[in-house]
Amino acid sequence: MTASITQLAQARAARTSYRTGEVAPTSGVAHGLVQANLISVPADWAFEVLLFAQRNPKPCPVLEVLDPGAYESTLAPGSDLRTDIPAYRIWRDGVLTEEVTDASAAWEEHPDLVSFLIGCSFTFEAGLADAEIPIRHQELGRNVPMYRTSRPCAPAGRLSGDMVVSMRPIPADRVADAVRISGRYPAVHGAPVHVGDPASLGIADLAAPEFGDPPEVRDGEVPVFWACGVTPQAAIMDSRPPFALTHAPGHMFITDVRDSEYLA
């Protein structure tokens, strides 16, 4: 089913605003449309990124791989991956060196960049919201909290690292519903990887996420953890490729594709 005129207008308006420098997390933007994480690497690292994603489909479900040097996504005709994301991160030798709102210079520096769009859990948040399951970071106007875990991903050549998860506090009596709803979207991480004790994932302090904003967990709520598309950024930090470009965590690429296209 194609996106409605209203949805397309919302997506294109959002991408236009990002081109002019607006910076904000994209959770809740263009309700019902697919959002995606971005990682772009020079061509000589592209196979290892693809293999890493194939070996770790839960945190790295690939939605699209662009040709070397390309920046228009087929998921949003007329889009430009150099400018249509609110904020980007530039990595050199595994170190975050810069955050920018326009990544055009990265393509000038590396004309052979290969870009990967990876499914994002913001996509199934529409289903949670439609079921009246609270999404706390949206309520508070914050970024979703994301954590590096102690669970290693399967390595691929020079690329290795631990899985990153996002967390949403869910009322205990709605956890089963959240699992069921998100589980219908395997292309955007699917069902949670863990429910309950953060220490089981190697997370020492729920109030100190490595990415995003600290959460607010209220009485009667359970922390629920989903695999996260920021996982490739953890792999970049550990594997130290000479150059990589990613989205800033929580600042996604908004497509023109309805989330229903990825229902299992």
Protein backbone atom coordinates (compact mmCIF):
# COMPACT_ATOMS: atom_id res chain seq x y z
CA MET A 1 0.00 0.00 0.00
CA THR A 2 1.42 3.35 -1.02
CA ALA A 3 1.78 6.22 1.39
CA SER A 4 -1.03 8.76 1.52
CA ILE A 5 -0.63 12.24 0.08
CA THR A 6 -0.58 13.60 3.62
CA GLN A 7 2.14 11.18 4.72
CA LEU A 8 4.27 11.96 1.67
CA ALA A 9 3.85 15.67 2.32
CA GLN A 10 4.97 15.20 5.93
CA ALA A 11 8.02 13.18 4.92
CA ARG A 12 9.09 15.62 2.22
CA ALA A 13 8.49 18.61 4.49
CA ALA A 14 10.68 17.00 7.14
CA ARG A 15 13.50 16.26 4.69
CA THR A 16 13.28 19.83 3.37
CA SER A 17 13.56 21.23 6.89
CA TYR A 18 16.65 19.12 7.54
CA ARG A 19 18.22 20.47 4.35
CA THR A 20 17.89 23.95 5.83
CA GLY A 21 19.59 22.97 9.07
CA GLU A 22 16.81 21.96 11.46
CA VAL A 23 18.13 19.45 14.00
CA ALA A 24 15.82 17.29 16.11
CA PRO A 25 15.29 13.59 16.85
CA THR A 26 12.90 12.04 14.34
CA SER A 27 10.87 9.76 16.63
CA GLY A 28 7.20 10.42 15.88
CA VAL A 29 7.87 12.35 12.65
CA ALA A 30 5.78 11.31 9.61
CA HIS A 31 3.65 8.79 11.54
CA GLY A 32 3.34 5.49 9.71
CA LEU A 33 6.36 5.87 7.44
CA VAL A 34 9.58 3.88 7.60
CA GLN A 35 12.68 5.48 9.10
CA ALA A 36 16.24 4.28 8.57
CA ASN A 37 19.72 4.42 10.07
CA LEU A 38 22.63 5.35 7.80
CA ILE A 39 26.19 4.12 7.53
CA SER A 40 28.38 5.11 4.57
CA VAL A 41 31.89 3.77 4.03
CA PRO A 42 34.49 3.85 1.25
CA ALA A 43 34.04 1.02 -1.23
CA ASP A 44 36.92 -1.06 0.16
CA TRP A 45 34.99 -1.47 3.44
CA ALA A 46 31.54 -1.98 1.89
CA PHE A 47 31.65 -5.77 1.65
CA GLU A 48 32.57 -6.11 5.31
CA VAL A 49 29.72 -3.80 6.34
CA LEU A 50 27.30 -5.84 4.23
CA LEU A 51 28.62 -9.10 5.65
CA PHE A 52 28.45 -7.70 9.19
CA ALA A 53 24.80 -6.79 8.60
CA GLN A 54 23.98 -10.19 7.12
CA ARG A 55 25.56 -11.96 10.08
CA ASN A 56 23.76 -9.68 12.56
CA PRO A 57 20.29 -9.13 11.07
CA LYS A 58 18.60 -8.29 14.38
CA PRO A 59 20.51 -5.04 15.01
CA CYS A 60 21.42 -4.44 11.33
CA PRO A 61 18.44 -5.25 9.07
CA VAL A 62 19.39 -3.83 5.66
CA LEU A 63 16.66 -1.96 3.80
CA GLU A 64 18.80 -0.68 0.91
CA VAL A 65 22.38 -0.60 -0.35
CA LEU A 66 23.27 2.20 -2.76
CA ASP A 67 25.83 2.03 -5.55
CA PRO A 68 29.25 3.60 -4.89
CA GLY A 69 28.94 7.37 -4.97
CA ALA A 70 25.12 7.36 -5.08
CA TYR A 71 23.06 9.39 -2.59
CA GLU A 72 19.45 9.21 -3.82
CA SER A 73 17.49 6.49 -2.04
CA THR A 74 14.92 4.44 -3.95
CA LEU A 75 12.88 4.49 -0.73
CA ALA A 76 12.33 8.23 -1.24
CA PRO A 77 12.66 9.34 -4.89
CA GLY A 78 14.27 12.76 -5.15
CA SER A 79 15.94 12.41 -1.75
CA ASP A 80 19.55 13.26 -0.99
CA LEU A 81 21.36 11.31 1.73
CA ARG A 82 23.94 14.08 1.93
CA THR A 83 21.45 16.60 3.30
CA ASP A 84 18.15 14.92 4.23
CA ILE A 85 19.08 13.68 7.71
CA PRO A 86 18.96 16.12 10.66
CA ALA A 87 22.49 15.38 11.88
CA TYR A 88 25.47 13.29 10.75
CA ARG A 89 28.58 11.94 12.40
CA ILE A 90 31.99 11.77 10.73
CA TRP A 91 34.40 9.12 12.00
CA ARG A 92 38.14 8.92 11.32
CA ASP A 93 40.11 5.92 12.53
CA GLY A 94 37.21 5.01 14.79
CA VAL A 95 37.08 8.42 16.47
CA LEU A 96 34.11 10.75 16.20
CA THR A 97 35.66 13.91 14.81
CA GLU A 98 32.68 15.99 13.73
CA GLU A 99 28.89 16.31 13.74
CA VAL A 100 27.40 18.17 10.78
CA THR A 101 24.00 18.92 9.27
CA ASP A 102 25.28 18.69 5.68
CA ALA A 103 27.42 15.72 4.69
CA SER A 104 28.14 16.77 1.09
CA ALA A 105 31.83 17.17 1.88
CA ALA A 106 32.05 13.47 2.76
CA TRP A 107 31.11 12.54 -0.82
CA GLU A 108 33.62 15.05 -2.14
CA GLU A 109 36.33 13.51 0.02
CA HIS A 110 35.30 9.93 -0.81
CA PRO A 111 33.45 9.81 -4.16
CA ASP A 112 33.13 6.02 -3.84
CA LEU A 113 31.08 6.04 -0.62
CA VAL A 114 28.71 3.09 -0.36
CA SER A 115 25.65 3.84 1.77
CA PHE A 116 23.57 1.37 3.74
CA LEU A 117 20.09 2.15 5.05
CA ILE A 118 19.28 -0.01 8.06
CA GLY A 119 15.88 -0.50 9.66
CA CYS A 120 14.98 1.66 12.65
CA SER A 121 12.73 0.94 15.62
CA PHE A 122 11.11 4.36 15.24
CA THR A 123 9.15 2.68 12.45
CA PHE A 124 7.19 0.35 14.73
CA GLU A 125 6.60 3.10 17.27
CA ALA A 126 3.59 4.08 15.15
CA GLY A 127 2.07 0.70 15.95
CA LEU A 128 2.80 1.14 19.64
CA ALA A 129 1.21 4.59 19.60
CA ASP A 130 -1.86 3.32 17.72
CA ALA A 131 -2.27 0.69 20.47
CA GLU A 132 -2.01 3.46 23.10
CA ILE A 133 1.25 2.10 24.50
CA PRO A 134 3.15 5.10 25.91
CA ILE A 135 6.38 6.17 24.22
CA ARG A 136 8.12 8.08 26.98
CA HIS A 137 10.86 9.82 24.98
CA GLN A 138 8.19 11.29 22.69
CA GLU A 139 6.11 12.41 25.67
CA LEU A 140 9.11 14.22 27.16
CA GLY A 141 10.51 15.58 23.88
CA ARG A 142 13.73 13.61 24.32
CA ASN A 143 15.86 11.27 22.26
CA VAL A 144 15.43 7.54 22.88
CA PRO A 145 18.08 6.09 25.26
CA MET A 146 20.54 3.67 23.64
CA TYR A 147 23.11 1.45 25.35
CA ARG A 148 26.16 -0.58 24.41
CA THR A 149 25.67 -4.13 25.66
CA SER A 150 28.04 -6.94 26.52
CA ARG A 151 26.62 -9.08 23.71
CA PRO A 152 29.19 -9.42 20.92
CA CYS A 153 28.04 -9.34 17.31
CA ALA A 154 29.32 -11.88 14.83
CA PRO A 155 32.45 -10.30 13.29
CA ALA A 156 32.96 -9.79 9.56
CA GLY A 157 36.53 -9.36 8.35
CA ARG A 158 37.91 -6.22 9.93
CA LEU A 159 34.56 -5.24 11.47
CA SER A 160 33.47 -6.30 14.95
CA GLY A 161 31.74 -4.88 17.99
CA ASP A 162 29.00 -5.33 20.60
CA MET A 163 25.29 -4.91 20.02
CA VAL A 164 23.61 -1.62 20.87
CA VAL A 165 20.02 -1.58 22.16
CA SER A 166 17.34 1.07 22.52
CA MET A 167 15.10 1.07 25.60
CA ARG A 168 11.49 2.03 26.15
CA PRO A 169 9.83 1.75 29.57
CA ILE A 170 6.56 -0.13 29.07
CA PRO A 171 3.74 -0.65 31.61
CA ALA A 172 3.99 -4.23 32.85
CA ASP A 173 0.51 -5.10 31.61
CA ARG A 174 1.37 -3.89 28.08
CA VAL A 175 4.73 -5.62 27.60
CA ALA A 176 3.18 -8.58 25.79
CA ASP A 177 1.39 -6.18 23.43
CA ALA A 178 4.62 -4.29 22.72
CA VAL A 179 6.41 -7.56 21.97
CA ARG A 180 3.61 -8.70 19.65
CA ILE A 181 3.35 -5.40 17.75
CA SER A 182 7.08 -4.87 17.25
CA GLY A 183 7.53 -8.53 16.39
CA ARG A 184 5.48 -8.00 13.24
CA TYR A 185 8.29 -5.79 11.85
CA PRO A 186 11.45 -7.92 11.58
CA ALA A 187 12.89 -5.54 8.96
CA VAL A 188 13.06 -2.80 11.59
CA HIS A 189 14.50 -4.92 14.47
CA GLY A 190 11.31 -6.82 15.34
CA ALA A 191 10.59 -8.06 18.85
CA PRO A 192 12.72 -7.05 21.84
CA VAL A 193 15.98 -8.83 22.61
CA HIS A 194 15.46 -8.49 26.36
CA VAL A 195 12.82 -7.53 28.91
CA GLY A 196 13.69 -6.56 32.46
CA ASP A 197 17.03 -6.51 34.27
CA PRO A 198 19.53 -4.24 32.40
CA ALA A 199 22.46 -6.01 34.06
CA SER A 200 21.69 -9.10 31.99
CA LEU A 201 22.81 -7.06 28.98
CA GLY A 202 25.87 -5.68 30.75
CA ILE A 203 24.20 -2.30 31.29
CA ALA A 204 25.47 -0.97 34.61
CA ASP A 205 23.44 2.23 34.87
CA LEU A 206 20.12 2.71 33.09
CA ALA A 207 20.35 6.44 33.77
CA ALA A 208 23.58 6.75 31.75
CA PRO A 209 22.98 5.69 28.13
CA GLU A 210 25.94 5.89 25.76
CA PHE A 211 23.67 7.45 23.12
CA GLY A 212 20.49 9.50 23.37
CA ASP A 213 18.96 10.94 26.54
CA PRO A 214 18.48 9.42 30.01
CA PRO A 215 15.14 7.64 30.44
CA GLU A 216 12.34 8.16 32.93
CA VAL A 217 11.07 4.82 34.22
CA ARG A 218 7.95 5.10 36.37
CA ASP A 219 6.41 2.77 38.94
CA GLY A 220 4.79 -0.23 37.33
CA GLU A 221 6.93 0.01 34.18
CA VAL A 222 9.43 -2.50 32.85
CA PRO A 223 12.53 -1.60 30.76
CA VAL A 224 12.19 -3.25 27.36
CA PHE A 225 15.20 -3.43 25.05
CA TRP A 226 15.25 -3.64 21.26
CA ALA A 227 18.26 -4.24 19.01
CA CYS A 228 19.39 -0.90 17.59
CA GLY A 229 20.77 0.32 14.27
CA VAL A 230 23.44 2.32 16.11
CA THR A 231 25.27 -1.02 16.43
CA PRO A 232 27.44 -0.25 13.34
CA GLN A 233 28.67 2.89 15.11
CA ALA A 234 29.87 0.77 18.02
CA ALA A 235 31.64 -1.45 15.48
CA ILE A 236 33.27 1.63 13.93
CA MET A 237 34.54 2.67 17.35
CA ASP A 238 35.99 -0.79 17.98
CA SER A 239 37.28 -1.58 14.47
CA ARG A 240 38.60 1.87 13.56
CA PRO A 241 38.11 2.09 9.78
CA PRO A 242 39.93 5.10 8.28
CA PHE A 243 36.66 6.85 7.43
CA ALA A 244 32.93 6.41 7.99
CA LEU A 245 29.82 8.56 7.92
CA THR A 246 26.70 7.81 9.97
CA HIS A 247 23.52 9.48 11.13
CA ALA A 248 23.61 10.95 14.62
CA PRO A 249 21.79 8.53 16.94
CA GLY A 250 18.06 9.22 16.98
CA HIS A 251 18.26 11.43 13.86
CA MET A 252 17.02 9.20 11.06
CA PHE A 253 16.38 9.20 7.34
CA ILE A 254 12.63 9.43 6.72
CA THR A 255 11.46 7.47 3.70
CA ASP A 256 8.29 7.60 1.60
CA VAL A 257 7.50 3.94 2.36
CA ARG A 258 4.61 2.96 4.63
CA ASP A 259 5.50 0.79 7.61
CA SER A 260 2.86 -1.72 6.46
CA GLU A 261 5.20 -2.62 3.57
CA TYR A 262 7.45 -4.33 6.09
CA LEU A 263 4.83 -6.27 8.02
CA ALA A 264 5.82 -9.92 8.27
